[in-house]
Amino acid sequence: MEASEILTRARAGEEKPDGWIVLPLQRGRVILSIIGWLFGAALGLILFAAIFPIMVPENYHSTFGAIASTIFLGILLFIGLGSIWCLISDVRRLIRAQDYLIVITPEDFVQQSGSKVIHVPLINVRYVTARGRAKPDRTPPTNQLEQLGSASENMVGFLFGRGMTQSPEERRKVMNSRAPTSLAFIDTRTNTEVVVTTDTAYGDPFLIAALLKQYAARAQQIA
């Protein structure tokens, strides 16, 4: 089945074909993300504007002071401008929410992100990987797919812990929980990575990953 046909049927008001998983963009989550980026932009730019006249030129009389001040001011500016960029991206997604959709059928993975459409047969989906902060129970429910929207919100930032005193397995889990939320897999046709999402706008990435692995394994067994 062609990607355009799958997307059309997924958006149709009629009952979806048996076994199809349809994940639209969750507007509420995008709105929360926009609020977060607004806060980040305001914090970064306000602090930059407040600290800049204090540090410049007072801290630029020595090499160390100049380097440290430049790095600190650069971080604040990066937070402010980076948040504005992400804010614009999320506003565009919210405006065109109907053009963002993930569909998993028993044979195919299809995703539309704006004007970009990704179509990968499940027999070519390998190494499905989700990163970030997961729910304690990652087992996908059989008849309650609506629970995709109940995951914890995306945690973005730098965290510090007792990594040096942990076992390799514990350290791996902690590092994974610190990573930005994302979901990706390898398309074996081109051996390239397909990034499905970098946030929770479609639901819990770990639950989506578990469902995608389940469907891909089933399709590959049949093939």
Protein backbone atom coordinates (compact mmCIF):
# COMPACT_ATOMS: atom_id res chain seq x y z
CA MET A 1 0.00 0.00 0.00
CA GLU A 2 1.30 3.47 -0.89
CA ALA A 3 2.14 5.97 1.86
CA SER A 4 -0.44 8.48 0.60
CA GLU A 5 -3.19 5.84 0.76
CA ILE A 6 -2.18 4.80 4.28
CA LEU A 7 -2.22 8.41 5.50
CA THR A 8 -5.58 9.08 3.84
CA ARG A 9 -7.18 6.02 5.44
CA ALA A 10 -5.64 6.85 8.83
CA ARG A 11 -7.19 10.32 8.73
CA ALA A 12 -10.57 9.09 7.59
CA GLY A 13 -13.37 9.36 10.11
CA GLU A 14 -14.34 5.72 9.58
CA GLU A 15 -13.08 2.90 11.76
CA LYS A 16 -9.39 2.15 11.18
CA PRO A 17 -8.36 -1.18 9.64
CA ASP A 18 -7.71 -3.94 12.15
CA GLY A 19 -4.22 -3.79 13.64
CA TRP A 20 -3.45 -0.20 12.64
CA ILE A 21 -1.88 2.17 15.19
CA VAL A 22 -2.52 5.83 14.44
CA LEU A 23 -0.62 8.45 16.46
CA PRO A 24 -1.54 12.07 15.71
CA LEU A 25 0.40 15.00 17.07
CA GLN A 26 -0.85 15.75 20.59
CA ARG A 27 -1.57 19.48 20.62
CA GLY A 28 -1.59 19.72 24.40
CA ARG A 29 1.95 18.42 24.64
CA VAL A 30 3.16 20.81 21.96
CA ILE A 31 1.55 23.72 23.80
CA LEU A 32 3.34 22.72 27.02
CA SER A 33 6.57 22.55 25.06
CA ILE A 34 5.96 26.03 23.66
CA ILE A 35 5.45 27.38 27.19
CA GLY A 36 8.73 25.79 28.22
CA TRP A 37 10.60 27.34 25.28
CA LEU A 38 9.07 30.74 26.09
CA PHE A 39 10.39 30.47 29.63
CA GLY A 40 13.82 29.38 28.38
CA ALA A 41 14.02 32.23 25.86
CA ALA A 42 13.00 34.83 28.44
CA LEU A 43 15.37 33.47 31.09
CA GLY A 44 18.36 33.26 28.76
CA LEU A 45 17.92 36.66 27.12
CA ILE A 46 17.01 38.53 30.31
CA LEU A 47 20.03 37.13 32.16
CA PHE A 48 22.26 37.90 29.17
CA ALA A 49 21.01 41.50 29.03
CA ALA A 50 21.41 41.93 32.79
CA ILE A 51 24.89 40.39 33.10
CA PHE A 52 26.45 41.69 29.88
CA PRO A 53 26.99 45.30 31.08
CA ILE A 54 28.40 43.99 34.37
CA MET A 55 30.98 41.70 32.75
CA VAL A 56 31.88 43.89 29.80
CA PRO A 57 34.40 45.43 29.90
CA GLU A 58 35.27 44.83 33.60
CA ASN A 59 36.11 41.12 33.16
CA TYR A 60 38.10 41.60 29.98
CA HIS A 61 41.26 42.98 31.59
CA SER A 62 42.69 39.47 31.96
CA THR A 63 42.84 36.47 29.65
CA PHE A 64 41.15 34.10 32.10
CA GLY A 65 38.39 36.59 32.92
CA ALA A 66 37.76 37.27 29.25
CA ILE A 67 37.55 33.55 28.37
CA ALA A 68 35.32 32.67 31.34
CA SER A 69 33.01 35.63 30.73
CA THR A 70 32.74 34.91 27.01
CA ILE A 71 31.84 31.27 27.65
CA PHE A 72 29.24 32.18 30.28
CA LEU A 73 27.64 34.87 28.14
CA GLY A 74 27.71 32.53 25.16
CA ILE A 75 25.82 29.88 27.12
CA LEU A 76 23.13 32.38 28.12
CA LEU A 77 22.81 33.63 24.55
CA PHE A 78 22.66 30.06 23.24
CA ILE A 79 19.86 29.22 25.71
CA GLY A 80 17.88 32.29 24.69
CA LEU A 81 18.30 32.03 20.92
CA GLY A 82 18.07 28.24 20.91
CA SER A 83 14.79 28.40 22.82
CA ILE A 84 13.44 30.91 20.30
CA TRP A 85 14.36 28.58 17.43
CA CYS A 86 12.65 25.61 19.11
CA LEU A 87 9.67 27.84 19.95
CA ILE A 88 9.24 28.78 16.28
CA SER A 89 9.50 25.11 15.24
CA ASP A 90 6.83 24.05 17.75
CA VAL A 91 4.50 26.90 16.77
CA ARG A 92 4.77 25.80 13.14
CA ARG A 93 3.99 22.21 14.17
CA LEU A 94 0.98 23.36 16.17
CA ILE A 95 -0.39 25.41 13.28
CA ARG A 96 -0.02 22.45 10.90
CA ALA A 97 -0.84 19.73 13.44
CA GLN A 98 -2.98 17.87 10.89
CA ASP A 99 0.18 17.35 8.79
CA TYR A 100 1.98 15.45 11.57
CA LEU A 101 1.02 11.81 11.94
CA ILE A 102 2.55 8.39 12.64
CA VAL A 103 0.87 5.24 11.32
CA ILE A 104 2.03 1.70 12.04
CA THR A 105 0.27 -1.04 10.08
CA PRO A 106 1.03 -4.77 10.18
CA GLU A 107 3.26 -4.23 7.11
CA ASP A 108 4.44 -0.60 7.10
CA PHE A 109 5.69 2.35 9.12
CA VAL A 110 4.54 5.69 7.72
CA GLN A 111 5.17 9.13 9.16
CA GLN A 112 4.26 12.55 7.87
CA SER A 113 6.08 15.57 9.32
CA GLY A 114 4.83 18.63 7.48
CA SER A 115 5.59 18.07 3.81
CA LYS A 116 8.02 15.22 4.53
CA VAL A 117 6.72 11.65 4.35
CA ILE A 118 8.68 8.61 5.53
CA HIS A 119 7.57 5.15 4.41
CA VAL A 120 9.50 2.09 5.57
CA PRO A 121 8.25 -1.51 5.25
CA LEU A 122 8.42 -3.18 8.66
CA ILE A 123 10.65 -5.94 7.27
CA ASN A 124 13.30 -3.21 6.87
CA VAL A 125 12.94 -1.77 10.39
CA ARG A 126 15.82 -2.74 12.69
CA TYR A 127 17.43 -1.55 15.91
CA VAL A 128 14.49 0.45 17.24
CA THR A 129 15.97 2.65 19.98
CA ALA A 130 14.29 5.00 22.44
CA ARG A 131 16.26 7.28 24.73
CA GLY A 132 15.32 9.56 27.58
CA ARG A 133 13.30 9.12 30.74
CA ALA A 134 11.07 6.07 30.50
CA LYS A 135 8.03 5.00 32.46
CA PRO A 136 8.75 2.18 34.95
CA ASP A 137 6.59 -0.25 32.94
CA ARG A 138 7.48 -0.27 29.24
CA THR A 139 5.25 -3.18 28.26
CA PRO A 140 2.77 -2.02 25.59
CA PRO A 141 -0.87 -2.59 26.57
CA THR A 142 -2.88 -4.69 24.16
CA ASN A 143 -6.17 -2.79 24.13
CA GLN A 144 -5.33 0.56 25.70
CA LEU A 145 -3.20 2.42 23.17
CA GLU A 146 -4.58 5.68 24.50
CA GLN A 147 -2.10 5.33 27.35
CA LEU A 148 0.51 6.63 24.89
CA GLY A 149 -0.40 10.13 26.00
CA SER A 150 0.15 9.56 29.73
CA ALA A 151 3.97 9.47 29.83
CA SER A 152 6.05 11.87 31.86
CA GLU A 153 7.03 15.09 30.08
CA ASN A 154 10.30 15.50 28.26
CA MET A 155 13.22 16.36 30.63
CA VAL A 156 15.77 18.66 29.03
CA GLY A 157 18.90 19.88 30.79
CA PHE A 158 22.07 18.79 32.46
CA LEU A 159 21.89 16.46 35.45
CA PHE A 160 24.71 15.47 37.77
CA GLY A 161 24.82 12.35 39.90
CA ARG A 162 27.03 9.69 41.43
CA GLY A 163 28.02 8.06 38.16
CA MET A 164 31.57 7.30 39.29
CA THR A 165 30.33 5.07 42.12
CA GLN A 166 27.81 3.08 40.08
CA SER A 167 28.16 -0.23 38.32
CA PRO A 168 28.40 -0.21 34.48
CA GLU A 169 24.76 -1.29 34.19
CA GLU A 170 23.55 1.40 36.59
CA ARG A 171 25.67 4.01 34.84
CA ARG A 172 24.20 3.02 31.48
CA LYS A 173 20.66 3.43 32.83
CA VAL A 174 21.46 6.81 34.37
CA MET A 175 23.10 8.11 31.20
CA ASN A 176 20.10 6.95 29.18
CA SER A 177 17.72 8.80 31.55
CA ARG A 178 19.77 11.97 31.08
CA ALA A 179 19.58 11.87 27.29
CA PRO A 180 16.97 13.98 25.51
CA THR A 181 13.85 11.99 24.69
CA SER A 182 14.08 10.48 21.20
CA LEU A 183 13.04 7.50 19.10
CA ALA A 184 14.84 6.20 16.02
CA PHE A 185 15.48 3.04 14.01
CA ILE A 186 17.64 1.81 11.13
CA ASP A 187 16.21 1.42 7.63
CA THR A 188 18.08 -1.60 6.28
CA ARG A 189 17.35 -0.63 2.67
CA THR A 190 19.80 2.27 2.94
CA ASN A 191 21.41 1.46 6.31
CA THR A 192 20.49 4.95 7.52
CA GLU A 193 18.93 6.12 10.77
CA VAL A 194 15.33 7.28 10.71
CA VAL A 195 14.54 9.69 13.55
CA VAL A 196 10.87 9.27 14.45
CA THR A 197 10.63 11.89 17.19
CA THR A 198 12.81 13.93 19.52
CA ASP A 199 10.11 14.66 22.09
CA THR A 200 6.86 13.27 23.50
CA ALA A 201 4.57 15.04 21.02
CA TYR A 202 3.20 11.69 19.77
CA GLY A 203 3.11 10.04 23.20
CA ASP A 204 5.62 8.03 25.21
CA PRO A 205 8.57 7.18 22.89
CA PHE A 206 9.34 4.03 24.88
CA LEU A 207 5.84 2.69 24.42
CA ILE A 208 5.86 3.60 20.72
CA ALA A 209 9.23 1.85 20.41
CA ALA A 210 7.89 -1.28 22.09
CA LEU A 211 4.90 -1.37 19.72
CA LEU A 212 7.11 -0.76 16.68
CA LYS A 213 9.48 -3.56 17.72
CA GLN A 214 6.52 -5.86 18.22
CA TYR A 215 5.05 -5.15 14.80
CA ALA A 216 8.43 -5.28 13.04
CA ALA A 217 9.31 -8.63 14.63
CA ARG A 218 5.96 -10.06 13.57
CA ALA A 219 6.36 -8.83 9.98
CA GLN A 220 9.90 -10.18 9.76
CA GLN A 221 8.84 -13.59 11.06
CA ILE A 222 6.16 -13.81 8.39
CA ALA A 223 8.64 -12.72 5.70
